Structure formats: structure tokens, C-alpha cells
Amino acid sequence: MAEIKPQVYKDPRPAEYFAQFHERSRTREPNFVYEGVRAALSPVAVGLYRTRAIGTENVPRSGPVLLTPNHFSQMDHFFAGVYLRRKLRFMAKSQLFGPPVLTPIFTHGGVFPVRRGYRDEEAFKTVSAIFDQGGAVLVYAEGGRSRTGGLGEPRPGIGRIALESGVPVVPVAIHGSASVRRWKKLAFPKVTVQYGEPVTFPVSEDPSREQQMEAATRIFDVVRRMYTDLEQNGRKAVRRSLRERAQADALAAGGRPAA
């Protein structure tokens, strides 16, 4: 695996610096920049990395929803969204904001910051504002990129969002992106994105950390299960298994088997 730059776990810039990005995310939807980036990177994701999606029907076509993928690569934003018609909003580490070229792309393309190293209430307020507008938010379940080549552990943030909002949560497994950094060796892994069935939680206005972790673990257990299935059996077998299960369910319900 290619070397990854050391993480900076605390952003020294004041919270006031990031207010501009939160304000825009709370009041405006992504604009043409989102579609431009999608158009530019879709051939890369679908062509070079042979990205395929399983279970896109599990993502509601409208209304608030939280997507919670695992995270290996900076390309995961694009892998997760390339097969979805609706625009996603992405929570990303604050260190990404600042460079003069990339920052406008992030800001107008649906990305908002979470200030690393602090209890960033502004990020959660932005998520809530986007949900109020009926938006779809993607928050990485592990809180950042895994640096081990394997899945990490869930962070309580996704549990907090799920409990405080009560919106549907779609667990997402991204398989293959751990090897994306090998592109310099002209090695392009095959990437699969699987969207699990939505789960919901009763609304809790002030969940404890233990409750947040319990919800996050429940969500990530689904991610882990899907990822392991893809790792062990491959996407063709996963697709076949899901199709057979759907046919069995249809027959059990007295309906016609799925095509």
C-alpha cells in the first residue's frame, strides 16, 4: 500500500473561520460544481476502477437520509455518489478547507467541514439544517480514513445524528478502495459500493455517549457484514444471493418471483 501522509488531528484555526462554509451549506444546495465534478470523475470511477453499485434502491429518492460508509480513499466521495441520482452532502475534515482552488469546489460541491480535534457542534447543526431541507448527508462511520487496510471502528457521531434526527440511515460498504492509492503503479482495483436497507431509531433529543455508540455499532455492524460478504464472495455472488433472497421473499408472500 502506498504511504499515506500523517494525520493532523487538531485544526489550529478558529471556529469562526469555518462559519462561512456552514452558512452556505445550511442555506444553499450544491450547484453546477457538483454536476461538473460528477461528470469529470464518473468516467474515472466507472471506467478505471470498474465501480459498480448494489442496492441503490435502498437509498430514498427524496427526503432526509443519512449514508454511513466505511472509508479508505479520498475517492470514496465519488464512489458513493456516482450511481445515485440525488445530490449528496458530505461531512469532511476541516483540513481540506483552505487551499484556494479546492476550497470553492468543496464549498459549492456539497462539502462542509467538521473541525478536527474539537467537539464541533456547528457540523451537527449543519447536518440538521440539511435534513430540514430534505437533503441526503454522507458521514463516514469511522470518522476518517482507515490506515490499516481493514475496517476500523465506528465513531459515536453517526449514532448521535441517527438518534437526534430519526431519519433513515443507509449503511454503505465500499469495497476495493483501500487499493486506490496504487494508481501510480497503474493498478486500478475493482470497487463495489453496496447500500444496505435503511434503519431508523426512535428520536432521542439528548442521547448519552453510550447510546450514541450503541446506535453507531448497530449501523456499522451492517457495513461490516456487507463488506465481509463482498470480500469473501465477490460482487457477483452477493448480487445473486440478494436476487435469490428477493425471489424467495416474493414467493413466501404469495407474489410472483422477481425477474
Protein backbone atom coordinates (compact mmCIF):
# COMPACT_ATOMS: atom_id res chain seq x y z
CA MET A 1 0.00 0.00 0.00
CA ALA A 2 1.26 3.47 -0.85
CA GLU A 3 2.32 5.67 2.03
CA ILE A 4 -0.34 7.95 3.49
CA LYS A 5 0.50 11.38 4.83
CA PRO A 6 0.41 11.63 8.63
CA GLN A 7 -2.90 12.77 10.02
CA VAL A 8 -3.28 16.16 11.65
CA TYR A 9 -5.69 15.51 14.48
CA LYS A 10 -6.29 19.10 15.60
CA ASP A 11 -7.05 22.02 13.32
CA PRO A 12 -5.49 25.16 14.86
CA ARG A 13 -7.73 27.61 13.00
CA PRO A 14 -10.55 29.26 14.97
CA ALA A 15 -14.12 28.08 14.65
CA GLU A 16 -15.07 31.46 13.15
CA TYR A 17 -13.07 30.65 10.02
CA PHE A 18 -15.40 27.78 9.17
CA ALA A 19 -18.65 29.69 9.78
CA GLN A 20 -18.75 30.79 6.12
CA PHE A 21 -18.78 27.18 4.90
CA HIS A 22 -21.51 26.14 7.32
CA GLU A 23 -23.65 29.13 6.41
CA ARG A 24 -23.54 28.25 2.74
CA SER A 25 -24.30 24.57 3.35
CA ARG A 26 -27.28 25.46 5.52
CA THR A 27 -28.84 27.89 3.09
CA ARG A 28 -27.94 26.66 -0.39
CA GLU A 29 -27.83 23.36 -2.20
CA PRO A 30 -24.82 22.23 -4.26
CA ASN A 31 -24.75 23.99 -7.62
CA PHE A 32 -23.34 23.23 -11.06
CA VAL A 33 -19.96 22.44 -9.48
CA TYR A 34 -21.42 19.19 -8.12
CA GLU A 35 -22.58 18.12 -11.56
CA GLY A 36 -19.29 19.23 -13.11
CA VAL A 37 -17.22 17.16 -10.68
CA ARG A 38 -19.57 14.21 -11.17
CA ALA A 39 -19.21 14.46 -14.96
CA ALA A 40 -15.42 14.69 -14.73
CA LEU A 41 -14.88 11.85 -12.28
CA SER A 42 -17.62 9.40 -13.26
CA PRO A 43 -15.52 8.00 -16.15
CA VAL A 44 -12.66 7.52 -13.70
CA ALA A 45 -14.82 5.78 -11.11
CA VAL A 46 -16.81 3.66 -13.54
CA GLY A 47 -14.13 3.11 -16.17
CA LEU A 48 -10.76 2.85 -14.49
CA TYR A 49 -11.99 1.50 -11.16
CA ARG A 50 -14.88 -0.51 -12.62
CA THR A 51 -17.13 0.76 -9.85
CA ARG A 52 -20.48 -0.99 -9.61
CA ALA A 53 -23.32 -0.43 -7.17
CA ILE A 54 -25.58 -2.89 -5.38
CA GLY A 55 -28.81 -1.89 -3.67
CA THR A 56 -29.22 1.69 -4.91
CA GLU A 57 -32.97 1.19 -4.48
CA ASN A 58 -32.35 1.24 -0.71
CA VAL A 59 -31.49 4.95 -0.87
CA PRO A 60 -34.71 7.00 -0.68
CA ARG A 61 -35.15 9.15 -3.77
CA SER A 62 -36.30 12.11 -1.70
CA GLY A 63 -36.45 13.25 1.88
CA PRO A 64 -33.75 13.36 4.56
CA VAL A 65 -31.40 10.41 4.79
CA LEU A 66 -28.01 9.65 6.34
CA LEU A 67 -25.48 7.48 4.48
CA THR A 68 -22.71 5.91 6.57
CA PRO A 69 -19.91 4.30 4.52
CA ASN A 70 -16.59 2.91 5.60
CA HIS A 71 -13.66 4.99 4.40
CA PHE A 72 -10.35 4.07 2.76
CA SER A 73 -9.75 6.61 0.00
CA GLN A 74 -10.29 10.24 -0.94
CA MET A 75 -12.18 8.83 -3.94
CA ASP A 76 -14.86 7.34 -1.66
CA HIS A 77 -16.96 10.52 -2.03
CA PHE A 78 -17.25 9.82 -5.75
CA PHE A 79 -17.63 6.06 -5.46
CA ALA A 80 -20.52 6.52 -3.02
CA GLY A 81 -22.38 9.04 -5.17
CA VAL A 82 -21.69 8.07 -8.77
CA TYR A 83 -24.74 5.79 -9.13
CA LEU A 84 -27.16 7.93 -7.11
CA ARG A 85 -29.38 10.42 -8.90
CA ARG A 86 -29.79 12.69 -5.91
CA LYS A 87 -27.05 15.01 -4.73
CA LEU A 88 -25.20 14.05 -1.57
CA ARG A 89 -23.82 16.42 1.03
CA PHE A 90 -20.51 15.38 2.56
CA MET A 91 -19.11 15.98 6.04
CA ALA A 92 -15.32 16.22 5.64
CA LYS A 93 -12.35 17.02 7.84
CA SER A 94 -11.70 20.73 8.23
CA GLN A 95 -8.11 20.46 6.98
CA LEU A 96 -9.46 20.12 3.45
CA PHE A 97 -10.69 23.71 3.57
CA GLY A 98 -8.20 26.46 2.82
CA PRO A 99 -6.41 25.80 -0.49
CA PRO A 100 -7.57 28.46 -2.97
CA VAL A 101 -8.53 26.08 -5.80
CA LEU A 102 -10.08 23.17 -3.92
CA THR A 103 -11.98 25.14 -1.28
CA PRO A 104 -14.51 26.70 -3.72
CA ILE A 105 -15.03 23.28 -5.28
CA PHE A 106 -15.78 21.76 -1.88
CA THR A 107 -17.96 24.68 -0.82
CA HIS A 108 -20.11 24.74 -3.97
CA GLY A 109 -19.99 20.96 -4.44
CA GLY A 110 -21.79 19.98 -1.26
CA VAL A 111 -18.94 19.51 1.22
CA PHE A 112 -18.99 21.05 4.72
CA PRO A 113 -16.33 20.84 7.44
CA VAL A 114 -16.10 19.16 10.81
CA ARG A 115 -13.37 20.81 12.87
CA ARG A 116 -10.86 18.16 13.78
CA GLY A 117 -9.82 17.83 17.39
CA TYR A 118 -12.86 19.61 18.84
CA ARG A 119 -16.45 18.89 19.75
CA ASP A 120 -17.78 20.64 16.68
CA GLU A 121 -21.43 21.42 17.30
CA GLU A 122 -21.57 23.52 14.13
CA ALA A 123 -21.13 20.43 11.98
CA PHE A 124 -24.11 18.76 13.66
CA LYS A 125 -26.18 21.93 13.22
CA THR A 126 -25.37 21.88 9.52
CA VAL A 127 -26.47 18.25 9.24
CA SER A 128 -29.75 19.13 10.94
CA ALA A 129 -30.30 22.09 8.61
CA ILE A 130 -29.72 19.90 5.55
CA PHE A 131 -32.18 17.32 6.87
CA ASP A 132 -34.75 20.09 7.38
CA GLN A 133 -34.39 20.80 3.65
CA GLY A 134 -34.90 17.11 2.81
CA GLY A 135 -31.25 16.52 1.92
CA ALA A 136 -29.02 13.46 1.90
CA VAL A 137 -25.91 13.60 4.08
CA LEU A 138 -22.90 11.27 3.94
CA VAL A 139 -20.85 10.86 7.12
CA TYR A 140 -18.06 8.30 7.28
CA ALA A 141 -18.82 5.83 10.04
CA GLU A 142 -15.21 5.53 11.19
CA GLY A 143 -14.76 9.29 11.36
CA GLY A 144 -11.81 9.25 8.95
CA ARG A 145 -9.83 7.06 6.60
CA SER A 146 -8.74 3.66 7.84
CA ARG A 147 -4.96 3.36 7.65
CA THR A 148 -4.68 -0.36 8.29
CA GLY A 149 -6.12 -1.72 5.05
CA GLY A 150 -9.04 -3.13 7.01
CA LEU A 151 -12.19 -1.73 8.54
CA GLY A 152 -11.81 0.45 11.59
CA GLU A 153 -14.28 1.06 14.41
CA PRO A 154 -17.37 3.27 14.33
CA ARG A 155 -17.37 6.68 15.95
CA PRO A 156 -20.33 7.90 18.00
CA GLY A 157 -21.11 10.78 15.62
CA ILE A 158 -23.25 8.72 13.26
CA GLY A 159 -25.15 7.33 16.24
CA ARG A 160 -25.79 10.81 17.55
CA ILE A 161 -27.10 12.02 14.18
CA ALA A 162 -29.32 8.96 13.80
CA LEU A 163 -30.80 9.31 17.29
CA GLU A 164 -31.29 13.07 17.31
CA SER A 165 -32.83 13.22 13.83
CA GLY A 166 -34.72 9.95 13.48
CA VAL A 167 -34.05 10.00 9.73
CA PRO A 168 -33.48 6.76 7.78
CA VAL A 169 -29.88 5.58 7.94
CA VAL A 170 -28.45 3.68 4.96
CA PRO A 171 -25.33 1.65 5.85
CA VAL A 172 -22.88 1.65 2.93
CA ALA A 173 -19.99 -0.74 2.29
CA ILE A 174 -17.28 0.44 -0.10
CA HIS A 175 -15.07 -2.48 -1.10
CA GLY A 176 -11.86 -2.18 -3.10
CA SER A 177 -11.00 1.45 -2.46
CA ALA A 178 -8.25 0.55 0.01
CA SER A 179 -6.04 -0.06 -3.03
CA VAL A 180 -6.87 3.16 -4.88
CA ARG A 181 -3.52 4.65 -3.87
CA ARG A 182 -1.77 2.12 -6.12
CA TRP A 183 -2.85 4.02 -9.21
CA LYS A 184 0.70 5.29 -9.70
CA LYS A 185 1.66 1.68 -10.41
CA LEU A 186 -1.20 1.51 -12.93
CA ALA A 187 -3.04 -0.86 -10.61
CA PHE A 188 -6.72 0.08 -10.55
CA PRO A 189 -8.77 -2.03 -8.13
CA LYS A 190 -12.34 -3.07 -8.80
CA VAL A 191 -14.62 -1.10 -6.49
CA THR A 192 -18.05 -2.17 -5.30
CA VAL A 193 -20.48 0.01 -3.36
CA GLN A 194 -23.31 -1.77 -1.57
CA TYR A 195 -26.19 0.14 0.00
CA GLY A 196 -27.92 -1.68 2.82
CA GLU A 197 -31.56 -1.48 3.80
CA PRO A 198 -32.40 1.67 5.75
CA VAL A 199 -32.61 1.51 9.53
CA THR A 200 -34.28 4.04 11.82
CA PHE A 201 -34.07 4.82 15.51
CA PRO A 202 -36.55 6.43 17.90
CA VAL A 203 -35.75 10.11 18.31
CA SER A 204 -33.70 11.00 21.37
CA GLU A 205 -33.08 14.70 21.95
CA ASP A 206 -30.03 14.24 24.15
CA PRO A 207 -28.60 10.73 23.74
CA SER A 208 -25.77 9.69 26.03
CA ARG A 209 -22.42 8.71 24.56
CA GLU A 210 -23.24 5.08 25.35
CA GLN A 211 -26.48 5.34 23.39
CA GLN A 212 -24.67 7.03 20.52
CA MET A 213 -22.06 4.25 20.42
CA GLU A 214 -24.74 1.57 20.61
CA ALA A 215 -26.54 3.04 17.59
CA ALA A 216 -23.26 3.58 15.70
CA THR A 217 -22.22 -0.02 16.36
CA ARG A 218 -25.56 -1.33 15.15
CA ILE A 219 -25.20 0.65 11.94
CA PHE A 220 -21.57 -0.30 11.37
CA ASP A 221 -22.28 -3.97 12.03
CA VAL A 222 -24.33 -3.91 8.83
CA VAL A 223 -21.49 -2.17 6.97
CA ARG A 224 -19.05 -4.76 8.28
CA ARG A 225 -21.32 -7.64 7.31
CA MET A 226 -21.75 -6.36 3.75
CA TYR A 227 -18.05 -5.60 3.39
CA THR A 228 -17.05 -9.08 4.60
CA ASP A 229 -19.52 -10.69 2.21
CA LEU A 230 -18.03 -8.74 -0.71
CA GLU A 231 -14.50 -9.56 0.45
CA GLN A 232 -15.15 -13.28 0.75
CA ASN A 233 -17.57 -13.91 -2.08
CA GLY A 234 -17.28 -11.09 -4.62
CA ARG A 235 -19.96 -8.85 -6.01
CA LYS A 236 -21.41 -11.35 -8.48
CA ALA A 237 -22.16 -13.80 -5.69
CA VAL A 238 -23.56 -11.05 -3.49
CA ARG A 239 -25.87 -9.89 -6.27
CA ARG A 240 -27.00 -13.45 -6.94
CA SER A 241 -27.67 -14.06 -3.24
CA LEU A 242 -29.73 -10.88 -2.93
CA ARG A 243 -31.71 -11.75 -6.05
CA GLU A 244 -32.45 -15.25 -4.76
CA ARG A 245 -33.48 -13.86 -1.39
CA ALA A 246 -35.86 -11.39 -3.06
CA GLN A 247 -37.40 -14.19 -5.11
CA ALA A 248 -37.85 -16.33 -2.00
CA ASP A 249 -39.46 -13.45 -0.14
CA ALA A 250 -41.82 -12.80 -3.03
CA LEU A 251 -42.87 -16.45 -3.13
CA ALA A 252 -43.34 -16.55 0.64
CA ALA A 253 -45.59 -13.51 0.38
CA GLY A 254 -47.66 -15.22 -2.28
CA GLY A 255 -46.46 -12.97 -5.04
CA ARG A 256 -44.62 -13.56 -8.26
CA PRO A 257 -40.85 -14.12 -8.14
CA ALA A 258 -38.68 -11.14 -9.01
CA ALA A 259 -37.30 -11.08 -12.52
